[in-house]
Amino acid sequence: MSEAYTYACRDCEGMETCTGEVTAGSKDEVWKLMELHAVIAHNEDPSSWDEETRAYLSTLIRAK
């Protein structure tokens, strides 16, 4: 069975009440789904995330 990766928005500091969660077969897919979630659910522009923010978010992607 291939490995899956997951991200739960509630794990992100300040987003504890968000129920958004994504699972995909690769980290790249998870990133794309995270960015889409940020746009739709939080009205954020992922292109404005700096390297520090992206590094922090990457620690929240977990192998499932």
N, C-alpha and C. Protein backbone atom coordinates (compact mmCIF):
# COMPACT_ATOMS: atom_id res chain seq x y z
N MET A 1 0.85 -1.19 0.00
CA MET A 1 0.00 0.00 0.00
C MET A 1 0.89 1.24 0.00
N SER A 2 0.54 2.22 -0.80
CA SER A 2 1.34 3.43 -0.87
C SER A 2 1.04 4.34 0.32
N GLU A 3 2.02 5.16 0.63
CA GLU A 3 1.89 6.07 1.77
C GLU A 3 0.99 7.25 1.41
N ALA A 4 0.26 7.72 2.38
CA ALA A 4 -0.58 8.91 2.22
C ALA A 4 -0.09 9.97 3.20
N TYR A 5 -0.42 11.21 2.89
CA TYR A 5 -0.05 12.34 3.74
C TYR A 5 -1.30 13.12 4.08
N THR A 6 -1.29 13.73 5.26
CA THR A 6 -2.46 14.47 5.70
C THR A 6 -2.06 15.79 6.35
N TYR A 7 -2.98 16.74 6.29
CA TYR A 7 -2.83 18.04 6.95
C TYR A 7 -4.17 18.38 7.56
N ALA A 8 -4.17 18.73 8.83
CA ALA A 8 -5.37 19.18 9.53
C ALA A 8 -5.18 20.65 9.89
N CYS A 9 -6.05 21.48 9.38
CA CYS A 9 -5.93 22.93 9.60
C CYS A 9 -5.94 23.26 11.10
N ARG A 10 -6.70 22.50 11.88
CA ARG A 10 -6.79 22.78 13.32
C ARG A 10 -5.44 22.66 14.04
N ASP A 11 -4.47 21.97 13.42
CA ASP A 11 -3.13 21.85 14.02
C ASP A 11 -2.33 23.13 13.87
N CYS A 12 -2.77 24.02 12.99
CA CYS A 12 -2.08 25.28 12.76
C CYS A 12 -2.45 26.28 13.84
N GLU A 13 -1.45 26.93 14.40
CA GLU A 13 -1.69 27.92 15.45
C GLU A 13 -2.69 28.97 14.99
N GLY A 14 -3.73 29.18 15.79
CA GLY A 14 -4.76 30.15 15.48
C GLY A 14 -5.93 29.60 14.69
N MET A 15 -5.84 28.35 14.26
CA MET A 15 -6.89 27.72 13.45
C MET A 15 -7.54 26.53 14.17
N GLU A 16 -7.47 26.52 15.48
CA GLU A 16 -7.91 25.38 16.27
C GLU A 16 -9.37 24.99 16.05
N THR A 17 -10.21 25.91 15.63
CA THR A 17 -11.63 25.61 15.43
C THR A 17 -11.97 25.18 14.01
N CYS A 18 -10.99 25.20 13.12
CA CYS A 18 -11.24 24.83 11.72
C CYS A 18 -11.26 23.31 11.59
N THR A 19 -12.26 22.82 10.90
CA THR A 19 -12.40 21.37 10.70
C THR A 19 -11.80 20.89 9.39
N GLY A 20 -11.20 21.78 8.63
CA GLY A 20 -10.62 21.40 7.34
C GLY A 20 -9.47 20.42 7.51
N GLU A 21 -9.50 19.38 6.69
CA GLU A 21 -8.44 18.37 6.71
C GLU A 21 -8.32 17.80 5.30
N VAL A 22 -7.09 17.59 4.85
CA VAL A 22 -6.87 17.03 3.52
C VAL A 22 -5.94 15.83 3.63
N THR A 23 -6.15 14.89 2.74
CA THR A 23 -5.30 13.71 2.64
C THR A 23 -5.05 13.45 1.17
N ALA A 24 -3.81 13.12 0.84
CA ALA A 24 -3.46 12.84 -0.55
C ALA A 24 -2.27 11.88 -0.59
N GLY A 25 -1.97 11.44 -1.78
CA GLY A 25 -0.91 10.45 -1.97
C GLY A 25 0.49 11.01 -1.98
N SER A 26 0.63 12.33 -2.04
CA SER A 26 1.96 12.94 -2.01
C SER A 26 1.91 14.26 -1.26
N LYS A 27 3.07 14.69 -0.81
CA LYS A 27 3.14 15.98 -0.12
C LYS A 27 2.79 17.12 -1.07
N ASP A 28 3.17 17.01 -2.34
CA ASP A 28 2.84 18.06 -3.30
C ASP A 28 1.33 18.21 -3.45
N GLU A 29 0.62 17.09 -3.50
CA GLU A 29 -0.84 17.15 -3.59
C GLU A 29 -1.43 17.80 -2.34
N VAL A 30 -0.89 17.44 -1.18
CA VAL A 30 -1.38 18.03 0.07
C VAL A 30 -1.18 19.53 0.05
N TRP A 31 -0.01 20.00 -0.41
CA TRP A 31 0.24 21.44 -0.49
C TRP A 31 -0.79 22.14 -1.35
N LYS A 32 -1.11 21.56 -2.50
CA LYS A 32 -2.09 22.18 -3.39
C LYS A 32 -3.46 22.25 -2.73
N LEU A 33 -3.83 21.18 -2.03
CA LEU A 33 -5.12 21.17 -1.33
C LEU A 33 -5.12 22.13 -0.14
N MET A 34 -4.00 22.23 0.56
CA MET A 34 -3.88 23.20 1.66
C MET A 34 -4.07 24.62 1.15
N GLU A 35 -3.43 24.93 0.03
CA GLU A 35 -3.53 26.27 -0.54
C GLU A 35 -4.96 26.56 -0.98
N LEU A 36 -5.60 25.59 -1.60
CA LEU A 36 -7.00 25.77 -2.01
C LEU A 36 -7.89 25.98 -0.80
N HIS A 37 -7.67 25.21 0.25
CA HIS A 37 -8.43 25.37 1.49
C HIS A 37 -8.24 26.77 2.07
N ALA A 38 -7.00 27.25 2.07
CA ALA A 38 -6.71 28.58 2.61
C ALA A 38 -7.49 29.66 1.86
N VAL A 39 -7.57 29.52 0.54
CA VAL A 39 -8.29 30.49 -0.28
C VAL A 39 -9.78 30.44 0.02
N ILE A 40 -10.35 29.25 -0.01
CA ILE A 40 -11.80 29.10 0.12
C ILE A 40 -12.28 29.33 1.55
N ALA A 41 -11.63 28.70 2.51
CA ALA A 41 -12.12 28.73 3.89
C ALA A 41 -11.66 29.95 4.68
N HIS A 42 -10.48 30.49 4.32
CA HIS A 42 -9.92 31.56 5.15
C HIS A 42 -9.63 32.84 4.38
N ASN A 43 -9.98 32.86 3.10
CA ASN A 43 -9.77 34.05 2.26
C ASN A 43 -8.31 34.53 2.32
N GLU A 44 -7.39 33.55 2.34
CA GLU A 44 -5.96 33.86 2.35
C GLU A 44 -5.38 33.72 0.95
N ASP A 45 -4.29 34.40 0.70
CA ASP A 45 -3.57 34.29 -0.55
C ASP A 45 -2.27 33.53 -0.27
N PRO A 46 -2.22 32.23 -0.60
CA PRO A 46 -1.02 31.45 -0.31
C PRO A 46 0.25 31.99 -0.96
N SER A 47 0.14 32.76 -2.03
CA SER A 47 1.34 33.32 -2.64
C SER A 47 1.99 34.37 -1.73
N SER A 48 1.26 34.81 -0.72
CA SER A 48 1.83 35.79 0.23
C SER A 48 2.53 35.10 1.41
N TRP A 49 2.46 33.78 1.50
CA TRP A 49 3.13 33.07 2.58
C TRP A 49 4.63 33.15 2.38
N ASP A 50 5.33 33.60 3.42
CA ASP A 50 6.78 33.67 3.33
C ASP A 50 7.40 32.30 3.62
N GLU A 51 8.70 32.21 3.48
CA GLU A 51 9.40 30.94 3.68
C GLU A 51 9.24 30.41 5.10
N GLU A 52 9.22 31.29 6.08
CA GLU A 52 9.05 30.88 7.47
C GLU A 52 7.68 30.22 7.67
N THR A 53 6.64 30.84 7.10
CA THR A 53 5.29 30.29 7.20
C THR A 53 5.23 28.94 6.50
N ARG A 54 5.80 28.83 5.32
CA ARG A 54 5.79 27.57 4.57
C ARG A 54 6.58 26.49 5.32
N ALA A 55 7.68 26.86 5.95
CA ALA A 55 8.46 25.89 6.73
C ALA A 55 7.63 25.38 7.91
N TYR A 56 6.92 26.30 8.58
CA TYR A 56 6.06 25.90 9.70
C TYR A 56 4.95 24.97 9.22
N LEU A 57 4.27 25.35 8.15
CA LEU A 57 3.18 24.53 7.63
C LEU A 57 3.67 23.15 7.20
N SER A 58 4.87 23.07 6.67
CA SER A 58 5.40 21.78 6.25
C SER A 58 5.56 20.82 7.42
N THR A 59 5.78 21.35 8.62
CA THR A 59 5.89 20.48 9.80
C THR A 59 4.55 19.89 10.20
N LEU A 60 3.46 20.45 9.67
CA LEU A 60 2.12 19.97 10.01
C LEU A 60 1.61 18.91 9.04
N ILE A 61 2.36 18.64 7.99
CA ILE A 61 1.99 17.57 7.05
C ILE A 61 2.56 16.28 7.61
N ARG A 62 1.68 15.31 7.79
CA ARG A 62 2.10 14.06 8.44
C ARG A 62 1.83 12.87 7.54
N ALA A 63 2.71 11.89 7.65
CA ALA A 63 2.47 10.61 6.96
C ALA A 63 1.34 9.91 7.70
N LYS A 64 0.45 9.33 6.91
CA LYS A 64 -0.72 8.69 7.52
C LYS A 64 -0.54 7.19 7.50
